[in-house]
Amino acid sequence: MAKIRTNDRVLVITGKDKGKEGRVLEVLTNRSRIIVEGIQRAKKHNKPKQTDRGSKTGGIETIENSIHISNVKLLATASKKSATRVGYRLMSENQNGRSRLKRVRISKKTGKDIE
């Protein structure tokens, strides 16, 4: 299970985009990689094709490539650049008279819960 989830704000800590921050678009858990908005951009050349309506498509697109999940840190608060590691704690939850344990993500730096 990845500690970083979709729509989290992250800070890139290594690579050509070091210091930049962005929103996670997709998490690829089987490969331990994530796709971050505006990070690791590359040009993709598409062959011109004709659509059903007769218009032409193709050309050069700019897409985001994946980066390894270890190369980013979670931004716990959006107001300042305080990147943190992620930990878990177990929280007891009562549901229909039953007690269940639920894993909650916490910031290692502050100890507070992460939404």
N, C-alpha and C. Protein backbone atom coordinates (compact mmCIF):
# COMPACT_ATOMS: atom_id res chain seq x y z
N MET A 1 0.83 -1.17 0.00
CA MET A 1 0.00 0.00 0.00
C MET A 1 0.89 1.25 0.00
N ALA A 2 0.62 2.14 -0.91
CA ALA A 2 1.42 3.35 -1.03
C ALA A 2 1.02 4.37 0.03
N LYS A 3 2.01 5.07 0.58
CA LYS A 3 1.72 6.08 1.59
C LYS A 3 1.26 7.38 0.95
N ILE A 4 1.48 7.54 -0.33
CA ILE A 4 1.02 8.72 -1.06
C ILE A 4 -0.16 8.31 -1.92
N ARG A 5 -1.21 9.13 -1.88
CA ARG A 5 -2.44 8.80 -2.58
C ARG A 5 -2.76 9.84 -3.63
N THR A 6 -3.74 9.54 -4.46
CA THR A 6 -4.19 10.46 -5.50
C THR A 6 -4.70 11.75 -4.85
N ASN A 7 -4.43 12.88 -5.50
CA ASN A 7 -4.81 14.23 -5.08
C ASN A 7 -4.00 14.76 -3.90
N ASP A 8 -2.96 14.07 -3.45
CA ASP A 8 -2.06 14.60 -2.43
C ASP A 8 -1.13 15.63 -3.09
N ARG A 9 -0.69 16.63 -2.30
CA ARG A 9 0.32 17.58 -2.77
C ARG A 9 1.68 17.04 -2.35
N VAL A 10 2.62 16.97 -3.31
CA VAL A 10 3.94 16.42 -3.03
C VAL A 10 5.03 17.38 -3.47
N LEU A 11 6.22 17.22 -2.89
CA LEU A 11 7.41 17.99 -3.22
C LEU A 11 8.44 17.03 -3.77
N VAL A 12 9.01 17.33 -4.94
CA VAL A 12 10.03 16.49 -5.56
C VAL A 12 11.36 16.77 -4.86
N ILE A 13 12.03 15.71 -4.39
CA ILE A 13 13.27 15.90 -3.63
C ILE A 13 14.52 15.52 -4.42
N THR A 14 14.38 14.83 -5.56
CA THR A 14 15.54 14.51 -6.39
C THR A 14 15.15 14.59 -7.86
N GLY A 15 16.15 14.67 -8.71
CA GLY A 15 15.91 14.66 -10.15
C GLY A 15 15.93 16.06 -10.75
N LYS A 16 15.59 16.14 -12.03
CA LYS A 16 15.66 17.42 -12.73
C LYS A 16 14.60 18.41 -12.27
N ASP A 17 13.54 17.94 -11.65
CA ASP A 17 12.48 18.82 -11.16
C ASP A 17 12.55 19.02 -9.64
N LYS A 18 13.74 18.89 -9.06
CA LYS A 18 13.92 19.01 -7.62
C LYS A 18 13.43 20.37 -7.14
N GLY A 19 12.63 20.37 -6.05
CA GLY A 19 12.13 21.60 -5.47
C GLY A 19 10.75 21.99 -5.96
N LYS A 20 10.27 21.36 -7.02
CA LYS A 20 8.94 21.67 -7.54
C LYS A 20 7.89 20.87 -6.78
N GLU A 21 6.69 21.41 -6.76
CA GLU A 21 5.60 20.70 -6.12
C GLU A 21 4.44 20.55 -7.09
N GLY A 22 3.62 19.54 -6.85
CA GLY A 22 2.48 19.29 -7.71
C GLY A 22 1.49 18.35 -7.06
N ARG A 23 0.40 18.11 -7.76
CA ARG A 23 -0.68 17.25 -7.28
C ARG A 23 -0.54 15.89 -7.94
N VAL A 24 -0.74 14.83 -7.17
CA VAL A 24 -0.62 13.46 -7.68
C VAL A 24 -1.86 13.15 -8.53
N LEU A 25 -1.63 12.78 -9.79
CA LEU A 25 -2.72 12.44 -10.70
C LEU A 25 -3.05 10.96 -10.63
N GLU A 26 -2.01 10.13 -10.48
CA GLU A 26 -2.23 8.68 -10.50
C GLU A 26 -1.13 7.99 -9.71
N VAL A 27 -1.50 6.91 -9.02
CA VAL A 27 -0.54 6.11 -8.26
C VAL A 27 -0.47 4.73 -8.91
N LEU A 28 0.73 4.32 -9.31
CA LEU A 28 0.95 3.01 -9.93
C LEU A 28 1.60 2.12 -8.89
N THR A 29 0.79 1.49 -8.04
CA THR A 29 1.32 0.75 -6.88
C THR A 29 2.13 -0.47 -7.26
N ASN A 30 1.78 -1.13 -8.35
CA ASN A 30 2.52 -2.34 -8.73
C ASN A 30 3.95 -2.03 -9.17
N ARG A 31 4.23 -0.79 -9.59
CA ARG A 31 5.57 -0.40 -10.02
C ARG A 31 6.22 0.60 -9.07
N SER A 32 5.54 0.98 -7.97
CA SER A 32 6.02 1.97 -7.00
C SER A 32 6.34 3.30 -7.66
N ARG A 33 5.47 3.75 -8.54
CA ARG A 33 5.67 5.01 -9.24
C ARG A 33 4.40 5.85 -9.17
N ILE A 34 4.56 7.16 -9.35
CA ILE A 34 3.41 8.06 -9.37
C ILE A 34 3.53 9.02 -10.53
N ILE A 35 2.40 9.58 -10.95
CA ILE A 35 2.38 10.60 -11.99
C ILE A 35 1.94 11.89 -11.31
N VAL A 36 2.78 12.93 -11.40
CA VAL A 36 2.54 14.20 -10.73
C VAL A 36 2.29 15.27 -11.79
N GLU A 37 1.31 16.12 -11.54
CA GLU A 37 0.93 17.17 -12.47
C GLU A 37 2.08 18.17 -12.64
N GLY A 38 2.52 18.36 -13.89
CA GLY A 38 3.56 19.34 -14.20
C GLY A 38 4.98 18.89 -13.94
N ILE A 39 5.19 17.65 -13.54
CA ILE A 39 6.52 17.14 -13.21
C ILE A 39 6.90 16.04 -14.21
N GLN A 40 8.18 15.98 -14.56
CA GLN A 40 8.73 14.95 -15.45
C GLN A 40 8.00 14.98 -16.80
N ARG A 41 7.90 16.16 -17.38
CA ARG A 41 7.19 16.32 -18.65
C ARG A 41 8.08 15.89 -19.81
N ALA A 42 7.44 15.31 -20.83
CA ALA A 42 8.16 14.85 -22.02
C ALA A 42 7.29 15.09 -23.24
N LYS A 43 7.93 15.19 -24.39
CA LYS A 43 7.20 15.37 -25.65
C LYS A 43 6.92 14.02 -26.27
N LYS A 44 5.70 13.85 -26.77
CA LYS A 44 5.31 12.61 -27.42
C LYS A 44 4.84 12.97 -28.83
N HIS A 45 5.40 12.29 -29.82
CA HIS A 45 5.05 12.55 -31.22
C HIS A 45 4.00 11.54 -31.65
N ASN A 46 2.84 12.05 -32.09
CA ASN A 46 1.77 11.19 -32.57
C ASN A 46 1.63 11.31 -34.07
N LYS A 47 1.44 10.19 -34.72
CA LYS A 47 1.28 10.15 -36.16
C LYS A 47 -0.07 10.77 -36.54
N PRO A 48 -0.11 11.62 -37.57
CA PRO A 48 -1.39 12.20 -37.98
C PRO A 48 -2.37 11.13 -38.46
N LYS A 49 -3.60 11.19 -37.97
CA LYS A 49 -4.65 10.25 -38.34
C LYS A 49 -5.91 11.04 -38.65
N GLN A 50 -6.85 10.37 -39.27
CA GLN A 50 -8.11 11.02 -39.60
C GLN A 50 -9.21 10.42 -38.71
N THR A 51 -10.02 11.27 -38.10
CA THR A 51 -11.09 10.80 -37.24
C THR A 51 -12.32 10.46 -38.07
N ASP A 52 -13.38 10.00 -37.40
CA ASP A 52 -14.62 9.64 -38.08
C ASP A 52 -15.25 10.84 -38.78
N ARG A 53 -15.11 12.00 -38.21
CA ARG A 53 -15.73 13.21 -38.78
C ARG A 53 -14.87 13.87 -39.84
N GLY A 54 -13.69 13.36 -40.08
CA GLY A 54 -12.86 13.89 -41.14
C GLY A 54 -11.77 14.84 -40.69
N SER A 55 -11.72 15.20 -39.41
CA SER A 55 -10.68 16.11 -38.95
C SER A 55 -9.38 15.33 -38.72
N LYS A 56 -8.29 16.04 -38.83
CA LYS A 56 -6.98 15.41 -38.66
C LYS A 56 -6.51 15.58 -37.22
N THR A 57 -5.90 14.54 -36.67
CA THR A 57 -5.31 14.60 -35.34
C THR A 57 -3.85 14.23 -35.45
N GLY A 58 -3.12 14.47 -34.41
CA GLY A 58 -1.71 14.13 -34.40
C GLY A 58 -0.88 15.34 -34.06
N GLY A 59 0.43 15.17 -34.09
CA GLY A 59 1.33 16.27 -33.75
C GLY A 59 2.14 15.94 -32.52
N ILE A 60 2.60 16.98 -31.86
CA ILE A 60 3.45 16.83 -30.69
C ILE A 60 2.65 17.18 -29.44
N GLU A 61 2.59 16.25 -28.50
CA GLU A 61 1.91 16.46 -27.22
C GLU A 61 2.95 16.51 -26.11
N THR A 62 2.61 17.20 -25.03
CA THR A 62 3.45 17.18 -23.83
C THR A 62 2.70 16.40 -22.76
N ILE A 63 3.35 15.34 -22.25
CA ILE A 63 2.71 14.47 -21.26
C ILE A 63 3.58 14.39 -20.00
N GLU A 64 2.98 13.94 -18.89
CA GLU A 64 3.73 13.71 -17.66
C GLU A 64 4.13 12.24 -17.59
N ASN A 65 5.40 12.00 -17.37
CA ASN A 65 5.89 10.64 -17.15
C ASN A 65 5.86 10.32 -15.66
N SER A 66 5.97 9.04 -15.34
CA SER A 66 5.95 8.64 -13.93
C SER A 66 7.32 8.85 -13.30
N ILE A 67 7.31 9.07 -11.97
CA ILE A 67 8.55 9.14 -11.20
C ILE A 67 8.42 8.18 -10.03
N HIS A 68 9.56 7.75 -9.50
CA HIS A 68 9.53 6.79 -8.41
C HIS A 68 9.00 7.46 -7.15
N ILE A 69 8.24 6.70 -6.39
CA ILE A 69 7.57 7.23 -5.20
C ILE A 69 8.56 7.66 -4.12
N SER A 70 9.78 7.14 -4.15
CA SER A 70 10.78 7.52 -3.15
C SER A 70 11.39 8.89 -3.45
N ASN A 71 11.13 9.44 -4.62
CA ASN A 71 11.70 10.73 -5.01
C ASN A 71 10.82 11.91 -4.65
N VAL A 72 9.74 11.67 -3.89
CA VAL A 72 8.85 12.75 -3.48
C VAL A 72 8.57 12.64 -1.98
N LYS A 73 8.20 13.79 -1.39
CA LYS A 73 7.75 13.82 0.00
C LYS A 73 6.39 14.50 0.02
N LEU A 74 5.56 14.08 0.95
CA LEU A 74 4.22 14.62 1.08
C LEU A 74 4.27 16.00 1.72
N LEU A 75 3.48 16.94 1.17
CA LEU A 75 3.31 18.25 1.79
C LEU A 75 2.10 18.16 2.69
N ALA A 76 2.33 18.14 3.99
CA ALA A 76 1.23 17.96 4.95
C ALA A 76 0.33 19.19 4.99
N THR A 77 0.91 20.38 4.91
CA THR A 77 0.11 21.61 4.88
C THR A 77 0.38 22.33 3.58
N ALA A 78 -0.68 22.84 2.97
CA ALA A 78 -0.54 23.50 1.67
C ALA A 78 0.02 24.92 1.80
N SER A 79 -0.03 25.50 3.01
CA SER A 79 0.37 26.89 3.19
C SER A 79 1.89 27.08 3.09
N LYS A 80 2.67 26.14 3.63
CA LYS A 80 4.12 26.29 3.58
C LYS A 80 4.75 24.99 3.11
N LYS A 81 5.97 25.09 2.63
CA LYS A 81 6.66 23.91 2.10
C LYS A 81 7.27 23.10 3.24
N SER A 82 6.44 22.40 3.99
CA SER A 82 6.95 21.54 5.06
C SER A 82 6.73 20.10 4.65
N ALA A 83 7.69 19.56 3.92
CA ALA A 83 7.60 18.18 3.47
C ALA A 83 7.81 17.25 4.64
N THR A 84 7.07 16.16 4.68
CA THR A 84 7.14 15.25 5.81
C THR A 84 7.08 13.81 5.34
N ARG A 85 7.53 12.93 6.21
CA ARG A 85 7.36 11.51 5.97
C ARG A 85 5.99 11.11 6.49
N VAL A 86 5.49 9.97 6.04
CA VAL A 86 4.15 9.53 6.42
C VAL A 86 4.25 8.29 7.29
N GLY A 87 3.48 8.28 8.36
CA GLY A 87 3.39 7.12 9.23
C GLY A 87 1.93 6.75 9.42
N TYR A 88 1.68 5.72 10.18
CA TYR A 88 0.32 5.27 10.44
C TYR A 88 0.13 5.07 11.93
N ARG A 89 -1.11 5.23 12.37
CA ARG A 89 -1.49 4.83 13.72
C ARG A 89 -2.85 4.17 13.63
N LEU A 90 -3.12 3.28 14.56
CA LEU A 90 -4.39 2.57 14.57
C LEU A 90 -5.38 3.33 15.44
N MET A 91 -6.60 3.51 14.91
CA MET A 91 -7.63 4.22 15.63
C MET A 91 -8.83 3.30 15.78
N SER A 92 -9.37 3.23 16.99
CA SER A 92 -10.54 2.40 17.23
C SER A 92 -11.78 3.15 16.75
N GLU A 93 -12.64 2.44 16.02
CA GLU A 93 -13.84 3.05 15.45
C GLU A 93 -15.04 2.16 15.77
N ASN A 94 -16.08 2.76 16.32
CA ASN A 94 -17.30 2.02 16.63
C ASN A 94 -18.29 2.17 15.49
N GLN A 95 -18.76 1.04 15.00
CA GLN A 95 -19.70 1.05 13.89
C GLN A 95 -20.75 -0.02 14.14
N ASN A 96 -22.00 0.41 14.34
CA ASN A 96 -23.12 -0.50 14.61
C ASN A 96 -22.84 -1.39 15.82
N GLY A 97 -22.26 -0.81 16.86
CA GLY A 97 -21.98 -1.58 18.07
C GLY A 97 -20.73 -2.43 18.00
N ARG A 98 -20.03 -2.40 16.90
CA ARG A 98 -18.80 -3.17 16.74
C ARG A 98 -17.60 -2.25 16.79
N SER A 99 -16.55 -2.74 17.36
CA SER A 99 -15.31 -1.98 17.43
C SER A 99 -14.37 -2.48 16.32
N ARG A 100 -13.88 -1.55 15.48
CA ARG A 100 -12.97 -1.89 14.39
C ARG A 100 -11.74 -1.01 14.48
N LEU A 101 -10.62 -1.52 14.02
CA LEU A 101 -9.40 -0.73 13.96
C LEU A 101 -9.26 -0.14 12.56
N LYS A 102 -8.92 1.13 12.52
CA LYS A 102 -8.78 1.83 11.25
C LYS A 102 -7.39 2.47 11.20
N ARG A 103 -6.71 2.36 10.07
CA ARG A 103 -5.39 2.97 9.89
C ARG A 103 -5.56 4.42 9.46
N VAL A 104 -4.88 5.32 10.16
CA VAL A 104 -4.94 6.74 9.86
C VAL A 104 -3.54 7.22 9.53
N ARG A 105 -3.39 7.98 8.44
CA ARG A 105 -2.08 8.52 8.08
C ARG A 105 -1.75 9.70 8.98
N ILE A 106 -0.49 9.73 9.46
CA ILE A 106 -0.05 10.85 10.29
C ILE A 106 1.26 11.40 9.74
N SER A 107 1.51 12.67 10.06
CA SER A 107 2.76 13.32 9.69
C SER A 107 3.82 12.96 10.71
N LYS A 108 4.97 12.46 10.26
CA LYS A 108 6.06 12.11 11.17
C LYS A 108 6.66 13.37 11.81
N LYS A 109 6.58 14.50 11.11
CA LYS A 109 7.17 15.72 11.61
C LYS A 109 6.34 16.34 12.73
N THR A 110 5.02 16.41 12.53
CA THR A 110 4.16 17.09 13.51
C THR A 110 3.37 16.12 14.38
N GLY A 111 3.14 14.91 13.91
CA GLY A 111 2.35 13.93 14.64
C GLY A 111 0.85 14.08 14.44
N LYS A 112 0.45 15.04 13.59
CA LYS A 112 -0.96 15.29 13.35
C LYS A 112 -1.49 14.40 12.22
N ASP A 113 -2.81 14.23 12.18
CA ASP A 113 -3.45 13.44 11.14
C ASP A 113 -3.37 14.16 9.79
N ILE A 114 -3.30 13.37 8.72
CA ILE A 114 -3.33 13.90 7.36
C ILE A 114 -4.68 13.53 6.77
N GLU A 115 -5.38 14.51 6.23
CA GLU A 115 -6.70 14.25 5.67
C GLU A 115 -6.59 13.47 4.38
